[in-house]
């Protein structure tokens, strides 16, 4: 059910064809941009045939998800009951890229050392970008080893397991927490590549992921370079 709408910077009770708007509903299957992962896209429709194309979803204060886009047809009013459909193909690509990011992080730490930590990321539908703390450029051989390690985990086709835990218990169980991130009373722990303490990667993460590592398809690093002192950027193409 639509609970609020904004158009031209002001809260409104209705939006019609052609209006660029923001829509808030009482519940949503859409992922709002956070943790480096882009927001979902898709469509919102009403029973009387109105259509709203969702081009982005932003997660705002107090967990409010704002659906941004344009009314393609008809009229939407506050209180309308609507149907929300996520673009499944795009979501699947994003999931694969996000899971590949976790595998890359683990591979780099295993290869280069525990000083490697995530300093930023972008998980989109067609690529991933991953920034790490590391004092020097990665050698071509190191990049190849990291790439091979990720592809071995993909070929293993192990299940990706998610659990809800208290933050302290999750870290004690081996989950990686990102410095500077704020966590609530309960966190989502994502493990992939093996089982339990033998998992190749275990991190706290609220993003979307594949069901099995084999769903990623394949993994190829396309570039590596510096973005700041002691920070390297790796770009890759999964799938």
C-alpha atoms as a PDB file:
ATOM      1  CA  UNK A   1       0.000   0.000   0.000  1.00  0.00           C
ATOM      2  CA  UNK A   2       1.314   3.453  -0.919  1.00  0.00           C
ATOM      3  CA  UNK A   3       2.016   5.427   2.262  1.00  0.00           C
ATOM      4  CA  UNK A   4       3.679   8.536   0.807  1.00  0.00           C
ATOM      5  CA  UNK A   5       4.695  10.164  -2.489  1.00  0.00           C
ATOM      6  CA  UNK A   6       6.980  13.041  -3.440  1.00  0.00           C
ATOM      7  CA  UNK A   7       7.052  14.931  -6.743  1.00  0.00           C
ATOM      8  CA  UNK A   8       8.980  18.117  -7.618  1.00  0.00           C
ATOM      9  CA  UNK A   9      10.426  18.153  -4.093  1.00  0.00           C
ATOM     10  CA  UNK A  10       7.057  18.263  -2.330  1.00  0.00           C
ATOM     11  CA  UNK A  11       4.853  15.631  -0.705  1.00  0.00           C
ATOM     12  CA  UNK A  12       1.754  14.992  -2.797  1.00  0.00           C
ATOM     13  CA  UNK A  13      -1.402  12.887  -2.560  1.00  0.00           C
ATOM     14  CA  UNK A  14      -1.420  11.814  -6.216  1.00  0.00           C
ATOM     15  CA  UNK A  15       0.911  11.507  -9.230  1.00  0.00           C
ATOM     16  CA  UNK A  16      -0.105  11.020 -12.857  1.00  0.00           C
ATOM     17  CA  UNK A  17       1.378  10.083 -16.255  1.00  0.00           C
ATOM     18  CA  UNK A  18       4.753  11.670 -16.930  1.00  0.00           C
ATOM     19  CA  UNK A  19       5.540  12.623 -13.341  1.00  0.00           C
ATOM     20  CA  UNK A  20       9.012  11.874 -11.978  1.00  0.00           C
ATOM     21  CA  UNK A  21       8.262  10.786  -8.459  1.00  0.00           C
ATOM     22  CA  UNK A  22       9.305   8.965  -5.311  1.00  0.00           C
ATOM     23  CA  UNK A  23       6.972   6.359  -3.845  1.00  0.00           C
ATOM     24  CA  UNK A  24       7.047   4.816  -0.366  1.00  0.00           C
ATOM     25  CA  UNK A  25       5.034   1.674   0.402  1.00  0.00           C
ATOM     26  CA  UNK A  26       4.332  -0.208   3.624  1.00  0.00           C
ATOM     27  CA  UNK A  27       6.420  -3.214   2.488  1.00  0.00           C
ATOM     28  CA  UNK A  28       8.646  -3.960  -0.481  1.00  0.00           C
ATOM     29  CA  UNK A  29      10.623  -6.766  -2.147  1.00  0.00           C
ATOM     30  CA  UNK A  30      13.021  -4.170  -3.659  1.00  0.00           C
ATOM     31  CA  UNK A  31      16.584  -3.812  -2.377  1.00  0.00           C
ATOM     32  CA  UNK A  32      17.540  -0.245  -1.463  1.00  0.00           C
ATOM     33  CA  UNK A  33      21.078   0.872  -2.328  1.00  0.00           C
ATOM     34  CA  UNK A  34      23.453   0.171   0.564  1.00  0.00           C
ATOM     35  CA  UNK A  35      26.695  -1.603   1.340  1.00  0.00           C
ATOM     36  CA  UNK A  36      28.010  -0.864  -2.149  1.00  0.00           C
ATOM     37  CA  UNK A  37      25.148  -2.726  -3.841  1.00  0.00           C
ATOM     38  CA  UNK A  38      22.956  -0.736  -6.230  1.00  0.00           C
ATOM     39  CA  UNK A  39      19.226  -0.506  -5.709  1.00  0.00           C
ATOM     40  CA  UNK A  40      16.784  -2.733  -7.598  1.00  0.00           C
ATOM     41  CA  UNK A  41      14.776  -1.666 -10.623  1.00  0.00           C
ATOM     42  CA  UNK A  42      11.372  -2.884 -11.747  1.00  0.00           C
ATOM     43  CA  UNK A  43       7.708  -1.912 -11.962  1.00  0.00           C
ATOM     44  CA  UNK A  44       4.895  -0.834  -9.638  1.00  0.00           C
ATOM     45  CA  UNK A  45       1.333  -1.392 -10.910  1.00  0.00           C
ATOM     46  CA  UNK A  46      -2.117  -0.675  -9.524  1.00  0.00           C
ATOM     47  CA  UNK A  47      -5.346  -2.614  -9.908  1.00  0.00           C
ATOM     48  CA  UNK A  48      -6.735  -0.030 -12.342  1.00  0.00           C
ATOM     49  CA  UNK A  49      -3.737  -0.342 -14.686  1.00  0.00           C
ATOM     50  CA  UNK A  50      -1.469   2.505 -13.589  1.00  0.00           C
ATOM     51  CA  UNK A  51       2.232   1.784 -14.218  1.00  0.00           C
ATOM     52  CA  UNK A  52       5.286   3.242 -12.446  1.00  0.00           C
ATOM     53  CA  UNK A  53       8.782   2.338 -13.702  1.00  0.00           C
ATOM     54  CA  UNK A  54      11.240   2.044 -10.796  1.00  0.00           C
ATOM     55  CA  UNK A  55      14.728   3.186 -11.891  1.00  0.00           C
ATOM     56  CA  UNK A  56      16.361   3.190  -8.430  1.00  0.00           C
ATOM     57  CA  UNK A  57      15.612   2.447  -4.785  1.00  0.00           C
ATOM     58  CA  UNK A  58      17.281   4.348  -1.952  1.00  0.00           C
ATOM     59  CA  UNK A  59      17.395   3.271   1.679  1.00  0.00           C
ATOM     60  CA  UNK A  60      16.826   6.337   3.848  1.00  0.00           C
ATOM     61  CA  UNK A  61      16.761   7.116   7.560  1.00  0.00           C
ATOM     62  CA  UNK A  62      14.940   4.626   9.838  1.00  0.00           C
ATOM     63  CA  UNK A  63      14.939   1.992   7.106  1.00  0.00           C
ATOM     64  CA  UNK A  64      12.524   3.793   4.771  1.00  0.00           C
ATOM     65  CA  UNK A  65      12.838   2.496   1.194  1.00  0.00           C
ATOM     66  CA  UNK A  66      12.167   5.161  -1.452  1.00  0.00           C
ATOM     67  CA  UNK A  67      11.263   3.954  -4.958  1.00  0.00           C
ATOM     68  CA  UNK A  68      12.378   6.491  -7.576  1.00  0.00           C
ATOM     69  CA  UNK A  69      11.061   6.583 -11.111  1.00  0.00           C
ATOM     70  CA  UNK A  70       8.328   7.824 -13.433  1.00  0.00           C
ATOM     71  CA  UNK A  71       4.609   7.268 -13.883  1.00  0.00           C
ATOM     72  CA  UNK A  72       4.323   5.708 -17.342  1.00  0.00           C
ATOM     73  CA  UNK A  73       0.540   5.398 -17.373  1.00  0.00           C
ATOM     74  CA  UNK A  74      -2.444   6.284 -15.227  1.00  0.00           C
ATOM     75  CA  UNK A  75      -2.551   7.772 -11.747  1.00  0.00           C
ATOM     76  CA  UNK A  76      -1.370   6.703  -8.301  1.00  0.00           C
ATOM     77  CA  UNK A  77      -2.868   7.970  -5.037  1.00  0.00           C
ATOM     78  CA  UNK A  78      -1.790   7.668  -1.417  1.00  0.00           C
ATOM     79  CA  UNK A  79      -3.506   4.590   0.035  1.00  0.00           C
ATOM     80  CA  UNK A  80      -3.613   2.693  -3.278  1.00  0.00           C
ATOM     81  CA  UNK A  81      -2.903  -1.027  -3.087  1.00  0.00           C
ATOM     82  CA  UNK A  82      -0.159  -1.851  -5.591  1.00  0.00           C
ATOM     83  CA  UNK A  83       1.903  -4.743  -6.904  1.00  0.00           C
ATOM     84  CA  UNK A  84       5.718  -4.484  -6.946  1.00  0.00           C
ATOM     85  CA  UNK A  85       7.785  -6.534  -9.396  1.00  0.00           C
ATOM     86  CA  UNK A  86      11.585  -6.574  -9.248  1.00  0.00           C
ATOM     87  CA  UNK A  87      13.528  -6.918 -12.515  1.00  0.00           C
ATOM     88  CA  UNK A  88      14.591 -10.521 -11.892  1.00  0.00           C
ATOM     89  CA  UNK A  89      17.277 -10.775 -14.578  1.00  0.00           C
ATOM     90  CA  UNK A  90      19.056  -7.650 -13.364  1.00  0.00           C
ATOM     91  CA  UNK A  91      18.725  -8.795  -9.723  1.00  0.00           C
ATOM     92  CA  UNK A  92      20.313 -12.158 -10.640  1.00  0.00           C
ATOM     93  CA  UNK A  93      23.302 -10.387 -12.189  1.00  0.00           C
ATOM     94  CA  UNK A  94      23.712  -8.171  -9.133  1.00  0.00           C
ATOM     95  CA  UNK A  95      23.529 -11.198  -6.849  1.00  0.00           C
ATOM     96  CA  UNK A  96      26.274 -12.951  -8.802  1.00  0.00           C
ATOM     97  CA  UNK A  97      28.494  -9.879  -8.693  1.00  0.00           C
ATOM     98  CA  UNK A  98      27.984  -9.389  -4.959  1.00  0.00           C
ATOM     99  CA  UNK A  99      28.821 -13.006  -4.160  1.00  0.00           C
ATOM    100  CA  UNK A 100      31.905 -12.755  -6.382  1.00  0.00           C
ATOM    101  CA  UNK A 101      32.993  -9.710  -4.357  1.00  0.00           C
ATOM    102  CA  UNK A 102      32.921 -11.788  -1.157  1.00  0.00           C
ATOM    103  CA  UNK A 103      34.982 -14.533  -2.785  1.00  0.00           C
ATOM    104  CA  UNK A 104      37.491 -11.984  -4.111  1.00  0.00           C
ATOM    105  CA  UNK A 105      37.862 -10.415  -0.660  1.00  0.00           C
ATOM    106  CA  UNK A 106      38.618 -13.810   0.903  1.00  0.00           C
ATOM    107  CA  UNK A 107      41.014 -14.755  -1.911  1.00  0.00           C
ATOM    108  CA  UNK A 108      43.001 -11.525  -1.520  1.00  0.00           C
ATOM    109  CA  UNK A 109      43.266 -11.918   2.254  1.00  0.00           C
ATOM    110  CA  UNK A 110      44.457 -15.505   1.867  1.00  0.00           C
ATOM    111  CA  UNK A 111      46.994 -14.435  -0.755  1.00  0.00           C
ATOM    112  CA  UNK A 112      48.265 -11.090   0.551  1.00  0.00           C
ATOM    113  CA  UNK A 113      47.562 -11.190   4.287  1.00  0.00           C
ATOM    114  CA  UNK A 114      45.066 -10.094   6.922  1.00  0.00           C
ATOM    115  CA  UNK A 115      45.950  -6.414   6.426  1.00  0.00           C
ATOM    116  CA  UNK A 116      43.729  -6.531   3.342  1.00  0.00           C
ATOM    117  CA  UNK A 117      40.360  -5.035   4.234  1.00  0.00           C
ATOM    118  CA  UNK A 118      37.524  -3.619   2.176  1.00  0.00           C
ATOM    119  CA  UNK A 119      37.733   0.151   1.709  1.00  0.00           C
ATOM    120  CA  UNK A 120      34.832   0.508  -0.685  1.00  0.00           C
ATOM    121  CA  UNK A 121      32.875  -1.348  -3.319  1.00  0.00           C
ATOM    122  CA  UNK A 122      30.372  -1.030  -6.126  1.00  0.00           C
ATOM    123  CA  UNK A 123      28.186  -4.016  -6.971  1.00  0.00           C
ATOM    124  CA  UNK A 124      26.236  -3.334 -10.171  1.00  0.00           C
ATOM    125  CA  UNK A 125      24.420  -5.591 -12.627  1.00  0.00           C
ATOM    126  CA  UNK A 126      27.266  -5.698 -15.171  1.00  0.00           C
ATOM    127  CA  UNK A 127      30.472  -5.374 -13.118  1.00  0.00           C
ATOM    128  CA  UNK A 128      32.015  -5.066  -9.695  1.00  0.00           C
ATOM    129  CA  UNK A 129      34.537  -2.646  -8.248  1.00  0.00           C
ATOM    130  CA  UNK A 130      36.397  -3.497  -5.065  1.00  0.00           C
ATOM    131  CA  UNK A 131      38.779  -1.248  -3.098  1.00  0.00           C
ATOM    132  CA  UNK A 132      41.231  -2.772  -0.617  1.00  0.00           C
ATOM    133  CA  UNK A 133      43.920  -1.627   1.782  1.00  0.00           C
ATOM    134  CA  UNK A 134      47.283  -2.676   0.327  1.00  0.00           C
ATOM    135  CA  UNK A 135      50.549  -0.681   0.175  1.00  0.00           C
ATOM    136  CA  UNK A 136      51.599  -1.489  -3.383  1.00  0.00           C
ATOM    137  CA  UNK A 137      50.395  -2.590  -6.802  1.00  0.00           C
ATOM    138  CA  UNK A 138      49.417  -6.226  -7.189  1.00  0.00           C
ATOM    139  CA  UNK A 139      51.682  -8.149  -9.511  1.00  0.00           C
ATOM    140  CA  UNK A 140      50.060  -9.829 -12.549  1.00  0.00           C
ATOM    141  CA  UNK A 141      50.851 -13.198 -10.992  1.00  0.00           C
ATOM    142  CA  UNK A 142      49.090 -12.219  -7.759  1.00  0.00           C
ATOM    143  CA  UNK A 143      46.000 -11.089  -9.643  1.00  0.00           C
ATOM    144  CA  UNK A 144      45.964 -14.364 -11.553  1.00  0.00           C
ATOM    145  CA  UNK A 145      46.239 -16.375  -8.332  1.00  0.00           C
ATOM    146  CA  UNK A 146      43.352 -14.433  -6.777  1.00  0.00           C
ATOM    147  CA  UNK A 147      41.262 -14.888  -9.915  1.00  0.00           C
ATOM    148  CA  UNK A 148      42.009 -18.632  -9.975  1.00  0.00           C
ATOM    149  CA  UNK A 149      41.065 -18.977  -6.309  1.00  0.00           C
ATOM    150  CA  UNK A 150      37.695 -17.328  -6.943  1.00  0.00           C
ATOM    151  CA  UNK A 151      37.036 -19.529  -9.972  1.00  0.00           C
ATOM    152  CA  UNK A 152      37.884 -22.666  -7.960  1.00  0.00           C
ATOM    153  CA  UNK A 153      35.234 -21.714  -5.407  1.00  0.00           C
ATOM    154  CA  UNK A 154      32.756 -21.040  -8.203  1.00  0.00           C
ATOM    155  CA  UNK A 155      33.511 -24.445  -9.762  1.00  0.00           C
ATOM    156  CA  UNK A 156      32.944 -26.096  -6.363  1.00  0.00           C
ATOM    157  CA  UNK A 157      29.289 -24.983  -6.594  1.00  0.00           C
ATOM    158  CA  UNK A 158      28.883 -24.930  -2.815  1.00  0.00           C
ATOM    159  CA  UNK A 159      25.740 -23.608  -1.172  1.00  0.00           C
ATOM    160  CA  UNK A 160      25.683 -20.009   0.018  1.00  0.00           C
ATOM    161  CA  UNK A 161      24.397 -20.028   3.601  1.00  0.00           C
ATOM    162  CA  UNK A 162      22.816 -17.079   5.411  1.00  0.00           C
ATOM    163  CA  UNK A 163      22.212 -16.902   9.165  1.00  0.00           C
ATOM    164  CA  UNK A 164      20.819 -14.259  11.514  1.00  0.00           C
ATOM    165  CA  UNK A 165      23.015 -13.787  14.601  1.00  0.00           C
ATOM    166  CA  UNK A 166      23.955 -11.284  17.287  1.00  0.00           C
ATOM    167  CA  UNK A 167      26.948  -9.191  16.125  1.00  0.00           C
ATOM    168  CA  UNK A 168      29.380 -10.386  18.821  1.00  0.00           C
ATOM    169  CA  UNK A 169      28.451 -14.033  18.241  1.00  0.00           C
ATOM    170  CA  UNK A 170      28.879 -13.588  14.495  1.00  0.00           C
ATOM    171  CA  UNK A 171      32.376 -12.126  14.821  1.00  0.00           C
ATOM    172  CA  UNK A 172      33.307 -14.835  17.336  1.00  0.00           C
ATOM    173  CA  UNK A 173      32.176 -17.402  14.772  1.00  0.00           C
ATOM    174  CA  UNK A 174      34.629 -15.935  12.266  1.00  0.00           C
ATOM    175  CA  UNK A 175      32.491 -13.441  10.360  1.00  0.00           C
ATOM    176  CA  UNK A 176      34.270 -10.357   9.005  1.00  0.00           C
ATOM    177  CA  UNK A 177      32.791  -7.041  10.096  1.00  0.00           C
ATOM    178  CA  UNK A 178      33.593  -3.893   8.133  1.00  0.00           C
ATOM    179  CA  UNK A 179      35.286  -1.150  10.153  1.00  0.00           C
ATOM    180  CA  UNK A 180      33.084   1.927  10.520  1.00  0.00           C
ATOM    181  CA  UNK A 181      29.845   0.102   9.716  1.00  0.00           C
ATOM    182  CA  UNK A 182      27.007   0.322  12.230  1.00  0.00           C
ATOM    183  CA  UNK A 183      25.286  -2.950  13.078  1.00  0.00           C
ATOM    184  CA  UNK A 184      21.993  -3.490  14.881  1.00  0.00           C
ATOM    185  CA  UNK A 185      20.981  -6.087  17.473  1.00  0.00           C
ATOM    186  CA  UNK A 186      20.858  -8.748  14.773  1.00  0.00           C
ATOM    187  CA  UNK A 187      23.112  -9.210  11.744  1.00  0.00           C
ATOM    188  CA  UNK A 188      23.020 -11.334   8.621  1.00  0.00           C
ATOM    189  CA  UNK A 189      26.000 -13.648   8.200  1.00  0.00           C
ATOM    190  CA  UNK A 190      26.764 -14.875   4.668  1.00  0.00           C
ATOM    191  CA  UNK A 191      29.065 -17.903   4.244  1.00  0.00           C
ATOM    192  CA  UNK A 192      30.179 -19.490   0.991  1.00  0.00           C
ATOM    193  CA  UNK A 193      32.680 -22.091  -0.143  1.00  0.00           C
ATOM    194  CA  UNK A 194      32.589 -25.039   2.270  1.00  0.00           C
ATOM    195  CA  UNK A 195      30.718 -25.415   5.550  1.00  0.00           C
ATOM    196  CA  UNK A 196      30.895 -23.837   9.012  1.00  0.00           C
ATOM    197  CA  UNK A 197      34.343 -22.754  10.165  1.00  0.00           C
ATOM    198  CA  UNK A 198      35.798 -24.254   6.957  1.00  0.00           C
ATOM    199  CA  UNK A 199      33.930 -21.761   4.766  1.00  0.00           C
ATOM    200  CA  UNK A 200      36.084 -19.921   2.245  1.00  0.00           C
ATOM    201  CA  UNK A 201      34.297 -16.645   3.014  1.00  0.00           C
ATOM    202  CA  UNK A 202      32.178 -15.534   5.994  1.00  0.00           C
ATOM    203  CA  UNK A 203      31.076 -11.905   6.239  1.00  0.00           C
ATOM    204  CA  UNK A 204      28.377  -9.741   7.762  1.00  0.00           C
ATOM    205  CA  UNK A 205      26.249  -8.581   4.847  1.00  0.00           C
ATOM    206  CA  UNK A 206      22.699  -7.415   4.168  1.00  0.00           C
ATOM    207  CA  UNK A 207      22.928  -7.681   0.377  1.00  0.00           C
ATOM    208  CA  UNK A 208      21.547 -10.179  -2.134  1.00  0.00           C
ATOM    209  CA  UNK A 209      23.531 -13.299  -3.044  1.00  0.00           C
ATOM    210  CA  UNK A 210      23.410 -16.389  -5.247  1.00  0.00           C
ATOM    211  CA  UNK A 211      22.102 -19.688  -3.871  1.00  0.00           C
ATOM    212  CA  UNK A 212      25.225 -21.606  -4.922  1.00  0.00           C
ATOM    213  CA  UNK A 213      28.668 -20.346  -5.916  1.00  0.00           C
ATOM    214  CA  UNK A 214      28.309 -22.005  -9.338  1.00  0.00           C
ATOM    215  CA  UNK A 215      25.515 -19.537 -10.138  1.00  0.00           C
ATOM    216  CA  UNK A 216      28.206 -16.851 -10.583  1.00  0.00           C
ATOM    217  CA  UNK A 217      29.380 -18.537 -13.786  1.00  0.00           C
ATOM    218  CA  UNK A 218      32.976 -17.370 -14.115  1.00  0.00           C
ATOM    219  CA  UNK A 219      35.164 -14.544 -12.814  1.00  0.00           C
ATOM    220  CA  UNK A 220      37.633 -12.319 -14.678  1.00  0.00           C
ATOM    221  CA  UNK A 221      39.711  -9.426 -13.306  1.00  0.00           C
ATOM    222  CA  UNK A 222      39.958  -6.607 -15.869  1.00  0.00           C
ATOM    223  CA  UNK A 223      41.943  -3.910 -14.042  1.00  0.00           C
ATOM    224  CA  UNK A 224      43.905  -2.992 -10.911  1.00  0.00           C
ATOM    225  CA  UNK A 225      45.173   0.420  -9.878  1.00  0.00           C
ATOM    226  CA  UNK A 226      45.619   2.999  -7.126  1.00  0.00           C
ATOM    227  CA  UNK A 227      42.789   5.260  -5.940  1.00  0.00           C
ATOM    228  CA  UNK A 228      44.498   6.696  -2.829  1.00  0.00           C
ATOM    229  CA  UNK A 229      47.607   6.183  -0.732  1.00  0.00           C
ATOM    230  CA  UNK A 230      47.546   2.562   0.421  1.00  0.00           C
ATOM    231  CA  UNK A 231      44.273   1.806  -1.368  1.00  0.00           C
ATOM    232  CA  UNK A 232      44.057  -0.331  -4.525  1.00  0.00           C
ATOM    233  CA  UNK A 233      41.014  -0.757  -6.799  1.00  0.00           C
ATOM    234  CA  UNK A 234      40.192  -3.991  -8.598  1.00  0.00           C
ATOM    235  CA  UNK A 235      37.509  -4.190 -11.267  1.00  0.00           C
ATOM    236  CA  UNK A 236      36.114  -7.484 -12.469  1.00  0.00           C
ATOM    237  CA  UNK A 237      33.452  -9.056 -14.662  1.00  0.00           C
ATOM    238  CA  UNK A 238      31.622 -12.067 -13.213  1.00  0.00           C
ATOM    239  CA  UNK A 239      29.154 -14.127 -15.208  1.00  0.00           C
END
